[in-house]
Amino acid sequence: MSTAPLGIALIGAGRIGQLHARNMVRNPRARLLCVLEQDKERAKSIAEMARCQMVWEFEEAINLPGVEAVFVCSPTDTHVDYVVRSVEAGKYVFCEKPVDLDLGRAKACVQQLGDRATRVMMGFNRRFDPSLAAIRQAVEQGDIGTLEQIVVISRDPAPPPPLYVSQSGGIFRDMTIHDFDTVRSFAPFEFVTVFAHGSCLFSDDIRAFNDYDTVSVQLIGPGGETCTILNSRRCSYGFEQRIEIFGSAGTIALENPRPTHVKWFTKDGEKRGPLYEFFPQRYASSYERLLNDFVSQARLGAPFSVTIHDGLCSLALAEAARRSADNRLPISMSAII
């Protein structure tokens, strides 16, 4: 196994691309060799920070000497094309979620890749969060007995800008999809029924794009197990992330993580520090661990721990949730997959 840094081409230098680029610069096991980004100022900023090349065509990126892997962080409607072309060029691929906004195109992509799909890792960074990994391990070990109920609460601090909303594919494909992947990683089964409700309670911009700013989702397992997911695009007190898993022998829970664990006790009562500002701060360590895992598995030539198949399954749940919310009916996953 080579000990040289893994040569990487970055496709897309928006917010998430910049986050990955900074981690590559800090990680001695990775080397960012080039960035493809049509916004020249963004491209220049990454190139100067990483001391890498700017390229303007995808073929130039994947054919650059030393490039062994591609990070696809471009707009979602380009993911399938870049993933397939990268794999066909013999590269390892990291793809930000979702695979595509259209479930049919995502299915066709996975089918086209076939056995080569093991070369693709999906960008579900929460899999690598130490706290969520500890919960997953506890559930797998049977610490709480047989899993019966899951509750997930995820709320963003503020709605995204209108341009982002217009390209996001909607809250279920953009936001809830992280929660779908998280609960799939906990459950020893696939969910069979989805019942979702969506509302637009506060954002005229989101309503203008026929999307929801507030949703709840009920997932039903094959034995009647339940998972409840609550999402909002607005939370006045920060980035809220809570989980509770209940089983036949106990409960395991994760309260909102905070930058500090200090508490104040005064005559006015108890006070704690604020929540994390947003996901780059809350999940900083998970993104670092994700990159390490990607490099390790690529160097071993081994399948990634979170795959494009996981991306397809979570996208299918998002599709079912949108149909359910729009029609106010439960949706069987057998009608989706």
Protein backbone atom coordinates (compact mmCIF):
# COMPACT_ATOMS: atom_id res chain seq x y z
CA MET A 1 0.00 0.00 0.00
CA SER A 2 1.36 3.40 -1.02
CA THR A 3 2.13 5.87 1.76
CA ALA A 4 2.23 8.86 -0.60
CA PRO A 5 -0.54 11.46 -0.25
CA LEU A 6 -3.62 10.64 -2.32
CA GLY A 7 -3.83 12.99 -5.31
CA ILE A 8 -7.27 14.59 -5.52
CA ALA A 9 -9.14 16.72 -8.06
CA LEU A 10 -11.86 18.94 -6.55
CA ILE A 11 -14.91 19.57 -8.73
CA GLY A 12 -16.87 22.51 -7.37
CA ALA A 13 -15.67 25.13 -4.88
CA GLY A 14 -18.84 26.30 -3.23
CA ARG A 15 -19.34 26.18 0.53
CA ILE A 16 -18.94 22.41 0.86
CA GLY A 17 -16.11 22.23 -1.68
CA GLN A 18 -14.20 24.86 0.24
CA LEU A 19 -14.69 22.91 3.47
CA HIS A 20 -13.25 19.75 1.91
CA ALA A 21 -10.37 21.72 0.36
CA ARG A 22 -9.34 23.12 3.74
CA ASN A 23 -9.34 19.63 5.22
CA MET A 24 -7.21 18.34 2.35
CA VAL A 25 -4.66 21.07 2.95
CA ARG A 26 -4.45 20.17 6.64
CA ASN A 27 -4.30 16.41 6.06
CA PRO A 28 -0.82 15.07 5.18
CA ARG A 29 -2.39 11.95 3.66
CA ALA A 30 -4.19 13.95 0.96
CA ARG A 31 -2.95 16.32 -1.72
CA LEU A 32 -5.27 18.62 -3.64
CA LEU A 33 -3.82 18.82 -7.14
CA CYS A 34 -6.43 20.86 -8.98
CA VAL A 35 -9.77 22.61 -8.66
CA LEU A 36 -12.49 22.94 -11.30
CA GLU A 37 -14.80 25.86 -10.55
CA GLN A 38 -16.38 28.28 -13.01
CA ASP A 39 -16.37 31.13 -10.48
CA LYS A 40 -12.84 32.43 -11.05
CA GLU A 41 -12.55 34.12 -7.66
CA ARG A 42 -13.50 30.93 -5.82
CA ALA A 43 -11.12 28.88 -7.95
CA LYS A 44 -8.30 31.32 -7.35
CA SER A 45 -8.90 31.31 -3.59
CA ILE A 46 -8.70 27.49 -3.42
CA ALA A 47 -5.70 27.33 -5.75
CA GLU A 48 -3.74 29.83 -3.69
CA MET A 49 -4.61 28.15 -0.40
CA ALA A 50 -3.77 24.63 -1.62
CA ARG A 51 -1.03 25.66 -4.05
CA CYS A 52 -2.78 23.65 -6.72
CA GLN A 53 -3.77 24.19 -10.33
CA MET A 54 -6.95 25.75 -11.65
CA VAL A 55 -8.54 23.84 -14.52
CA TRP A 56 -11.55 24.76 -16.63
CA GLU A 57 -12.61 21.43 -18.15
CA PHE A 58 -13.48 18.16 -16.43
CA GLU A 59 -11.30 16.08 -18.75
CA GLU A 60 -8.35 18.27 -17.82
CA ALA A 61 -8.99 17.54 -14.13
CA ILE A 62 -9.21 13.75 -14.36
CA ASN A 63 -6.28 13.52 -16.77
CA LEU A 64 -3.95 15.65 -14.69
CA PRO A 65 -0.87 13.57 -13.71
CA GLY A 66 -1.10 12.31 -10.15
CA VAL A 67 -4.89 12.55 -9.80
CA GLU A 68 -6.13 9.30 -8.24
CA ALA A 69 -9.44 10.49 -6.81
CA VAL A 70 -12.18 13.01 -7.56
CA PHE A 71 -14.29 14.95 -5.06
CA VAL A 72 -17.60 15.83 -6.75
CA CYS A 73 -18.95 18.90 -4.95
CA SER A 74 -20.55 20.56 -7.97
CA PRO A 75 -24.28 21.32 -8.49
CA THR A 76 -26.41 18.20 -8.06
CA ASP A 77 -27.50 17.98 -11.70
CA THR A 78 -23.84 17.34 -12.66
CA HIS A 79 -23.18 14.54 -10.14
CA VAL A 80 -24.15 11.53 -12.24
CA ASP A 81 -22.09 12.64 -15.23
CA TYR A 82 -18.98 13.41 -13.18
CA VAL A 83 -19.26 10.24 -11.09
CA VAL A 84 -19.58 7.95 -14.11
CA ARG A 85 -16.79 9.65 -16.05
CA SER A 86 -14.48 9.56 -13.03
CA VAL A 87 -15.07 5.86 -12.40
CA GLU A 88 -14.60 5.07 -16.08
CA ALA A 89 -11.27 6.90 -15.86
CA GLY A 90 -10.25 4.56 -13.02
CA LYS A 91 -10.55 7.11 -10.22
CA TYR A 92 -11.93 6.76 -6.73
CA VAL A 93 -14.85 9.12 -6.22
CA PHE A 94 -16.36 11.06 -3.36
CA CYS A 95 -19.80 12.44 -4.24
CA GLU A 96 -21.73 14.95 -2.19
CA LYS A 97 -25.38 14.09 -1.59
CA PRO A 98 -27.73 13.53 -3.27
CA VAL A 99 -26.70 11.32 -6.17
CA ASP A 100 -29.20 13.24 -8.30
CA LEU A 101 -32.47 15.07 -7.80
CA ASP A 102 -34.21 12.50 -10.01
CA LEU A 103 -34.47 9.01 -8.52
CA GLY A 104 -34.62 7.39 -11.95
CA ARG A 105 -31.33 8.97 -13.01
CA ALA A 106 -29.74 7.91 -9.72
CA LYS A 107 -30.89 4.31 -10.22
CA ALA A 108 -29.55 4.32 -13.79
CA CYS A 109 -26.20 5.62 -12.52
CA VAL A 110 -25.84 2.83 -9.99
CA GLN A 111 -26.85 0.24 -12.58
CA GLN A 112 -24.35 1.62 -15.08
CA LEU A 113 -21.55 1.48 -12.52
CA GLY A 114 -22.33 -2.13 -11.60
CA ASP A 115 -19.46 -3.71 -9.66
CA ARG A 116 -17.51 -0.45 -10.00
CA ALA A 117 -19.97 1.26 -7.63
CA THR A 118 -17.66 0.24 -4.78
CA ARG A 119 -15.29 2.98 -5.98
CA VAL A 120 -17.80 5.68 -4.98
CA MET A 121 -18.29 7.10 -1.50
CA MET A 122 -21.33 9.25 -0.66
CA GLY A 123 -21.01 12.45 1.34
CA PHE A 124 -23.01 11.53 4.43
CA ASN A 125 -20.53 13.04 6.86
CA ARG A 126 -22.62 12.33 9.97
CA ARG A 127 -21.65 8.66 9.72
CA PHE A 128 -18.22 9.76 10.93
CA ASP A 129 -19.32 11.88 13.89
CA PRO A 130 -17.86 10.27 17.05
CA SER A 131 -21.09 10.62 19.04
CA LEU A 132 -23.28 9.12 16.33
CA ALA A 133 -20.72 6.35 15.78
CA ALA A 134 -20.90 5.53 19.50
CA ILE A 135 -24.70 5.31 19.29
CA ARG A 136 -24.47 3.04 16.26
CA GLN A 137 -22.02 0.76 18.04
CA ALA A 138 -24.23 0.59 21.15
CA VAL A 139 -27.27 -0.36 19.06
CA GLU A 140 -25.30 -2.98 17.11
CA GLN A 141 -24.00 -4.50 20.36
CA GLY A 142 -27.55 -4.82 21.70
CA ASP A 143 -27.00 -2.40 24.60
CA ILE A 144 -30.62 -1.26 24.40
CA GLY A 145 -32.06 -4.60 23.33
CA THR A 146 -34.27 -4.76 20.25
CA LEU A 147 -34.71 -1.41 18.54
CA GLU A 148 -38.33 -0.20 18.68
CA GLN A 149 -38.43 3.58 18.26
CA ILE A 150 -36.18 6.37 16.93
CA VAL A 151 -36.73 10.11 17.29
CA VAL A 152 -34.57 12.60 15.36
CA ILE A 153 -34.83 16.38 15.65
CA SER A 154 -32.85 18.47 13.17
CA ARG A 155 -33.36 22.21 12.76
CA ASP A 156 -31.24 24.67 10.81
CA PRO A 157 -30.54 28.12 12.24
CA ALA A 158 -32.02 30.01 9.25
CA PRO A 159 -33.49 29.33 5.81
CA PRO A 160 -31.05 29.12 2.89
CA PRO A 161 -31.06 31.86 0.24
CA PRO A 162 -33.64 31.63 -2.57
CA LEU A 163 -31.09 30.57 -5.21
CA TYR A 164 -30.05 27.62 -3.04
CA VAL A 165 -33.67 26.63 -2.46
CA SER A 166 -34.38 26.73 -6.20
CA GLN A 167 -31.59 24.22 -6.88
CA SER A 168 -31.89 22.05 -3.75
CA GLY A 169 -34.60 19.65 -4.86
CA GLY A 170 -36.63 20.46 -1.77
CA ILE A 171 -36.22 19.97 1.94
CA PHE A 172 -36.55 16.17 1.86
CA ARG A 173 -33.78 15.69 -0.73
CA ASP A 174 -31.56 18.44 0.67
CA MET A 175 -31.96 18.41 4.46
CA THR A 176 -33.96 15.39 5.65
CA ILE A 177 -31.82 13.10 3.49
CA HIS A 178 -29.05 13.36 6.12
CA ASP A 179 -31.49 12.13 8.76
CA PHE A 180 -32.67 9.34 6.47
CA ASP A 181 -29.10 8.11 6.11
CA THR A 182 -28.44 8.44 9.85
CA VAL A 183 -31.45 6.35 10.88
CA ARG A 184 -30.72 3.78 8.17
CA SER A 185 -27.27 3.38 9.68
CA PHE A 186 -28.84 2.67 13.09
CA ALA A 187 -31.59 0.30 12.03
CA PRO A 188 -30.85 -3.38 11.23
CA PHE A 189 -33.62 -3.29 8.60
CA GLU A 190 -34.93 -1.11 5.77
CA PHE A 191 -38.02 0.99 6.38
CA VAL A 192 -41.07 -0.12 4.40
CA THR A 193 -43.56 2.76 4.74
CA VAL A 194 -43.20 6.56 4.77
CA PHE A 195 -45.81 9.04 6.01
CA ALA A 196 -44.77 12.70 5.84
CA HIS A 197 -46.33 16.11 6.44
CA GLY A 198 -44.99 19.41 5.15
CA SER A 199 -45.90 23.01 5.92
CA CYS A 200 -44.66 26.45 4.98
CA LEU A 201 -44.98 28.36 8.23
CA PHE A 202 -42.57 31.28 7.89
CA SER A 203 -40.69 31.53 4.59
CA ASP A 204 -42.34 33.16 1.58
CA ASP A 205 -39.20 32.44 -0.46
CA ILE A 206 -39.49 28.71 0.20
CA ARG A 207 -43.24 28.78 -0.51
CA ALA A 208 -42.54 30.45 -3.86
CA PHE A 209 -40.59 27.34 -4.91
CA ASN A 210 -43.42 24.99 -3.85
CA ASP A 211 -41.30 23.65 -1.01
CA TYR A 212 -41.76 23.23 2.74
CA ASP A 213 -39.91 24.94 5.57
CA THR A 214 -41.24 22.62 8.29
CA VAL A 215 -41.70 18.84 7.97
CA SER A 216 -42.33 15.73 10.01
CA VAL A 217 -41.74 12.20 8.75
CA GLN A 218 -42.84 8.87 10.14
CA LEU A 219 -40.90 5.83 8.92
CA ILE A 220 -42.28 2.35 9.62
CA GLY A 221 -40.09 -0.74 9.81
CA PRO A 222 -41.07 -4.27 8.70
CA GLY A 223 -41.99 -5.29 12.25
CA GLY A 224 -43.87 -2.09 13.11
CA GLU A 225 -40.81 -0.24 14.42
CA THR A 226 -41.15 3.55 14.11
CA CYS A 227 -38.86 6.47 13.40
CA THR A 228 -40.02 10.07 13.75
CA ILE A 229 -38.03 12.86 12.11
CA LEU A 230 -38.75 16.55 12.80
CA ASN A 231 -37.12 19.21 10.61
CA SER A 232 -37.31 22.98 10.41
CA ARG A 233 -35.43 25.47 8.26
CA ARG A 234 -35.39 27.95 11.17
CA CYS A 235 -34.24 27.66 14.76
CA SER A 236 -33.81 30.87 16.75
CA TYR A 237 -31.29 29.38 19.18
CA GLY A 238 -28.82 27.71 16.80
CA PHE A 239 -28.23 24.42 14.98
CA GLU A 240 -30.35 21.80 16.75
CA GLN A 241 -29.38 18.11 16.51
CA ARG A 242 -30.98 15.60 18.89
CA ILE A 243 -31.52 11.85 18.75
CA GLU A 244 -33.19 9.27 20.98
CA ILE A 245 -33.28 5.54 20.32
CA PHE A 246 -35.56 3.37 22.45
CA GLY A 247 -35.28 -0.40 22.70
CA SER A 248 -36.59 -3.34 24.67
CA ALA A 249 -33.78 -2.99 27.24
CA GLY A 250 -33.20 0.75 27.43
CA THR A 251 -32.71 4.11 25.71
CA ILE A 252 -29.69 5.86 24.27
CA ALA A 253 -29.85 9.58 23.56
CA LEU A 254 -27.75 12.44 22.25
CA GLU A 255 -28.65 15.94 23.36
CA ASN A 256 -27.55 19.03 21.48
CA PRO A 257 -23.73 19.10 21.39
CA ARG A 258 -22.20 22.48 22.27
CA PRO A 259 -18.82 24.14 21.75
CA THR A 260 -18.36 24.26 25.53
CA HIS A 261 -19.79 22.20 28.39
CA VAL A 262 -19.87 25.03 30.94
CA LYS A 263 -22.99 25.64 33.01
CA TRP A 264 -23.87 28.75 35.03
CA PHE A 265 -25.99 28.60 38.18
CA THR A 266 -27.33 31.90 39.51
CA LYS A 267 -30.41 33.21 41.30
CA ASP A 268 -32.06 33.33 37.85
CA GLY A 269 -31.59 29.61 37.38
CA GLU A 270 -29.38 27.45 35.18
CA LYS A 271 -27.71 28.68 32.00
CA ARG A 272 -25.69 26.87 29.35
CA GLY A 273 -23.59 28.05 26.43
CA PRO A 274 -25.11 28.46 22.95
CA LEU A 275 -25.46 25.70 20.38
CA TYR A 276 -23.14 25.40 17.40
CA GLU A 277 -23.74 28.01 14.74
CA PHE A 278 -24.33 25.54 11.88
CA PHE A 279 -23.17 22.24 10.37
CA PRO A 280 -19.55 23.23 9.47
CA GLN A 281 -18.92 23.93 13.15
CA ARG A 282 -21.02 21.10 14.64
CA TYR A 283 -19.65 18.43 12.31
CA ALA A 284 -16.09 19.71 11.82
CA SER A 285 -14.50 16.52 13.17
CA SER A 286 -16.79 14.28 11.12
CA TYR A 287 -15.61 15.90 7.89
CA GLU A 288 -12.00 15.35 8.95
CA ARG A 289 -12.69 11.69 9.75
CA LEU A 290 -14.56 11.28 6.48
CA LEU A 291 -11.49 12.38 4.51
CA ASN A 292 -9.25 10.03 6.49
CA ASP A 293 -11.61 7.13 5.84
CA PHE A 294 -11.79 7.94 2.13
CA VAL A 295 -8.00 8.01 1.80
CA SER A 296 -7.57 4.79 3.81
CA GLN A 297 -10.12 2.82 1.79
CA ALA A 298 -8.83 4.14 -1.52
CA ARG A 299 -5.28 3.17 -0.61
CA LEU A 300 -6.49 -0.33 0.33
CA GLY A 301 -8.67 -0.61 -2.76
CA ALA A 302 -11.48 -1.57 -0.37
CA PRO A 303 -15.22 -0.72 -0.54
CA PHE A 304 -16.18 2.51 1.20
CA SER A 305 -18.14 2.43 4.44
CA VAL A 306 -20.91 4.66 3.06
CA THR A 307 -21.69 3.85 -0.55
CA ILE A 308 -23.58 5.15 -3.54
CA HIS A 309 -26.13 2.43 -2.72
CA ASP A 310 -26.71 4.21 0.61
CA GLY A 311 -27.16 7.40 -1.35
CA LEU A 312 -29.76 5.73 -3.56
CA CYS A 313 -31.70 4.30 -0.59
CA SER A 314 -31.84 7.65 1.22
CA LEU A 315 -32.88 9.42 -1.99
CA ALA A 316 -35.69 6.86 -2.36
CA LEU A 317 -36.90 7.71 1.16
CA ALA A 318 -36.77 11.41 0.26
CA GLU A 319 -38.82 10.74 -2.89
CA ALA A 320 -41.39 8.81 -0.85
CA ALA A 321 -41.56 11.58 1.76
CA ARG A 322 -42.20 14.24 -0.87
CA ARG A 323 -44.96 12.17 -2.48
CA SER A 324 -46.49 11.49 0.92
CA ALA A 325 -46.43 15.15 1.99
CA ASP A 326 -47.85 16.35 -1.33
CA ASN A 327 -50.67 13.78 -1.37
CA ARG A 328 -51.17 13.40 2.39
CA LEU A 329 -50.98 9.64 2.10
CA PRO A 330 -48.64 6.95 3.41
CA ILE A 331 -46.28 5.65 0.72
CA SER A 332 -45.04 2.06 0.49
CA MET A 333 -41.36 1.84 -0.36
CA SER A 334 -42.18 -1.09 -2.65
CA ALA A 335 -43.79 1.49 -4.95
CA ILE A 336 -40.62 3.61 -4.98
CA ILE A 337 -37.64 1.29 -5.23
